[in-house]
């Protein structure tokens, strides 16, 4: 179960992106099938929206 997460972490750590984004990102694995990636600001927006509703 930890192998896909470890592999994704190694791939992200070894990424040679010459111009990294200044925006922080959130990564998580859904049902051990798919890796989901989105900006941290989306999570903040979702949290605020769920508190209001």
N, C-alpha and C. Protein backbone atom coordinates (compact mmCIF):
# COMPACT_ATOMS: atom_id res chain seq x y z
N UNK A 1 0.81 -1.19 0.00
CA UNK A 1 0.00 0.00 0.00
C UNK A 1 0.86 1.26 0.00
N UNK A 2 2.00 1.21 0.62
CA UNK A 2 2.87 2.39 0.68
C UNK A 2 3.73 2.55 -0.56
N UNK A 3 3.85 1.51 -1.37
CA UNK A 3 4.73 1.58 -2.54
C UNK A 3 4.31 2.66 -3.53
N UNK A 4 3.03 2.80 -3.88
CA UNK A 4 2.66 3.87 -4.82
C UNK A 4 2.93 5.26 -4.25
N UNK A 5 2.68 5.44 -2.96
CA UNK A 5 2.95 6.74 -2.34
C UNK A 5 4.44 7.02 -2.32
N UNK A 6 5.24 6.02 -2.01
CA UNK A 6 6.69 6.19 -2.01
C UNK A 6 7.19 6.51 -3.41
N UNK A 7 6.69 5.79 -4.40
CA UNK A 7 7.11 6.03 -5.79
C UNK A 7 6.73 7.43 -6.25
N UNK A 8 5.54 7.88 -5.88
CA UNK A 8 5.12 9.24 -6.25
C UNK A 8 6.00 10.28 -5.56
N UNK A 9 6.33 10.04 -4.31
CA UNK A 9 7.21 10.97 -3.59
C UNK A 9 8.59 11.04 -4.20
N UNK A 10 9.15 9.90 -4.58
CA UNK A 10 10.46 9.88 -5.22
C UNK A 10 10.41 10.59 -6.57
N UNK A 11 9.35 10.36 -7.34
CA UNK A 11 9.22 11.01 -8.64
C UNK A 11 9.10 12.52 -8.49
N UNK A 12 8.35 12.97 -7.50
CA UNK A 12 8.21 14.41 -7.28
C UNK A 12 9.51 15.02 -6.77
N UNK A 13 10.22 14.30 -5.92
CA UNK A 13 11.48 14.82 -5.39
C UNK A 13 12.56 14.88 -6.46
N UNK A 14 12.54 13.97 -7.40
CA UNK A 14 13.56 13.93 -8.45
C UNK A 14 13.16 14.69 -9.70
N UNK A 15 12.07 15.40 -9.66
CA UNK A 15 11.60 16.15 -10.82
C UNK A 15 12.57 17.28 -11.15
N UNK A 16 13.00 17.37 -12.40
CA UNK A 16 13.93 18.40 -12.83
C UNK A 16 13.21 19.57 -13.48
N UNK A 17 12.17 20.03 -12.87
CA UNK A 17 11.43 21.16 -13.41
C UNK A 17 12.27 22.42 -13.23
N UNK A 18 12.66 23.03 -14.34
CA UNK A 18 13.53 24.20 -14.30
C UNK A 18 12.88 25.44 -13.73
N UNK A 19 11.58 25.53 -13.82
CA UNK A 19 10.87 26.71 -13.31
C UNK A 19 9.72 26.27 -12.41
N UNK A 20 10.03 25.94 -11.16
CA UNK A 20 8.98 25.47 -10.27
C UNK A 20 7.97 26.57 -9.97
N UNK A 21 6.76 26.18 -9.79
CA UNK A 21 5.70 27.13 -9.47
C UNK A 21 5.88 27.62 -8.03
N UNK A 22 5.52 28.86 -7.81
CA UNK A 22 5.60 29.42 -6.46
C UNK A 22 4.42 28.95 -5.60
N UNK A 23 3.48 28.27 -6.22
CA UNK A 23 2.28 27.83 -5.54
C UNK A 23 2.49 26.46 -4.91
N UNK A 24 2.09 26.32 -3.65
CA UNK A 24 2.22 25.03 -2.98
C UNK A 24 1.12 24.10 -3.46
N UNK A 25 1.41 22.81 -3.43
CA UNK A 25 0.46 21.83 -3.97
C UNK A 25 0.11 20.77 -2.93
N UNK A 26 -1.00 20.11 -3.17
CA UNK A 26 -1.48 19.01 -2.33
C UNK A 26 -1.51 17.76 -3.20
N UNK A 27 -0.94 16.68 -2.68
CA UNK A 27 -0.91 15.40 -3.40
C UNK A 27 -1.52 14.35 -2.49
N UNK A 28 -2.41 13.53 -3.00
CA UNK A 28 -2.86 12.37 -2.24
C UNK A 28 -3.36 11.30 -3.19
N UNK A 29 -3.39 10.10 -2.65
CA UNK A 29 -3.78 8.94 -3.45
C UNK A 29 -5.21 8.55 -3.08
N UNK A 30 -6.03 8.31 -4.09
CA UNK A 30 -7.42 7.98 -3.87
C UNK A 30 -7.66 6.50 -4.16
N UNK A 31 -8.04 5.75 -3.14
CA UNK A 31 -8.37 4.33 -3.24
C UNK A 31 -7.23 3.49 -3.82
N UNK A 32 -6.00 3.91 -3.61
CA UNK A 32 -4.83 3.18 -4.09
C UNK A 32 -4.87 2.99 -5.61
N UNK A 33 -5.53 3.93 -6.30
CA UNK A 33 -5.69 3.80 -7.75
C UNK A 33 -5.14 5.02 -8.49
N UNK A 34 -5.43 6.21 -8.00
CA UNK A 34 -5.09 7.41 -8.74
C UNK A 34 -4.45 8.44 -7.80
N UNK A 35 -3.49 9.15 -8.30
CA UNK A 35 -2.83 10.21 -7.56
C UNK A 35 -3.49 11.53 -7.94
N UNK A 36 -3.97 12.25 -6.94
CA UNK A 36 -4.67 13.51 -7.18
C UNK A 36 -3.76 14.66 -6.77
N UNK A 37 -3.70 15.68 -7.60
CA UNK A 37 -2.85 16.84 -7.38
C UNK A 37 -3.67 18.10 -7.63
N UNK A 38 -3.61 19.04 -6.69
CA UNK A 38 -4.26 20.33 -6.90
C UNK A 38 -3.57 21.37 -6.03
N UNK A 39 -3.73 22.65 -6.38
CA UNK A 39 -3.09 23.71 -5.60
C UNK A 39 -3.66 23.79 -4.18
N UNK A 40 -2.83 24.20 -3.25
CA UNK A 40 -3.24 24.31 -1.86
C UNK A 40 -4.37 25.32 -1.69
N UNK A 41 -4.42 26.34 -2.52
CA UNK A 41 -5.48 27.34 -2.42
C UNK A 41 -6.85 26.73 -2.67
N UNK A 42 -6.93 25.69 -3.50
CA UNK A 42 -8.21 25.01 -3.74
C UNK A 42 -8.70 24.34 -2.46
N UNK A 43 -7.79 23.78 -1.68
CA UNK A 43 -8.16 23.13 -0.44
C UNK A 43 -8.68 24.16 0.56
N UNK A 44 -8.03 25.32 0.62
CA UNK A 44 -8.48 26.39 1.50
C UNK A 44 -9.88 26.85 1.10
N UNK A 45 -10.10 27.01 -0.20
CA UNK A 45 -11.42 27.41 -0.69
C UNK A 45 -12.47 26.37 -0.34
N UNK A 46 -12.15 25.10 -0.52
CA UNK A 46 -13.08 24.03 -0.17
C UNK A 46 -13.40 24.03 1.32
N UNK A 47 -12.39 24.24 2.16
CA UNK A 47 -12.61 24.27 3.61
C UNK A 47 -13.52 25.42 4.02
N UNK A 48 -13.29 26.60 3.46
CA UNK A 48 -14.12 27.76 3.79
C UNK A 48 -15.55 27.54 3.31
N UNK A 49 -15.69 27.01 2.11
CA UNK A 49 -17.03 26.75 1.56
C UNK A 49 -17.78 25.73 2.41
N UNK A 50 -17.10 24.68 2.84
CA UNK A 50 -17.77 23.66 3.65
C UNK A 50 -18.14 24.18 5.04
N UNK A 51 -17.39 25.15 5.56
CA UNK A 51 -17.75 25.75 6.84
C UNK A 51 -18.99 26.63 6.72
N UNK A 52 -19.11 27.32 5.59
CA UNK A 52 -20.24 28.22 5.39
C UNK A 52 -21.52 27.44 5.14
N UNK A 53 -21.42 26.36 4.39
CA UNK A 53 -22.62 25.60 4.01
C UNK A 53 -23.08 24.74 5.12
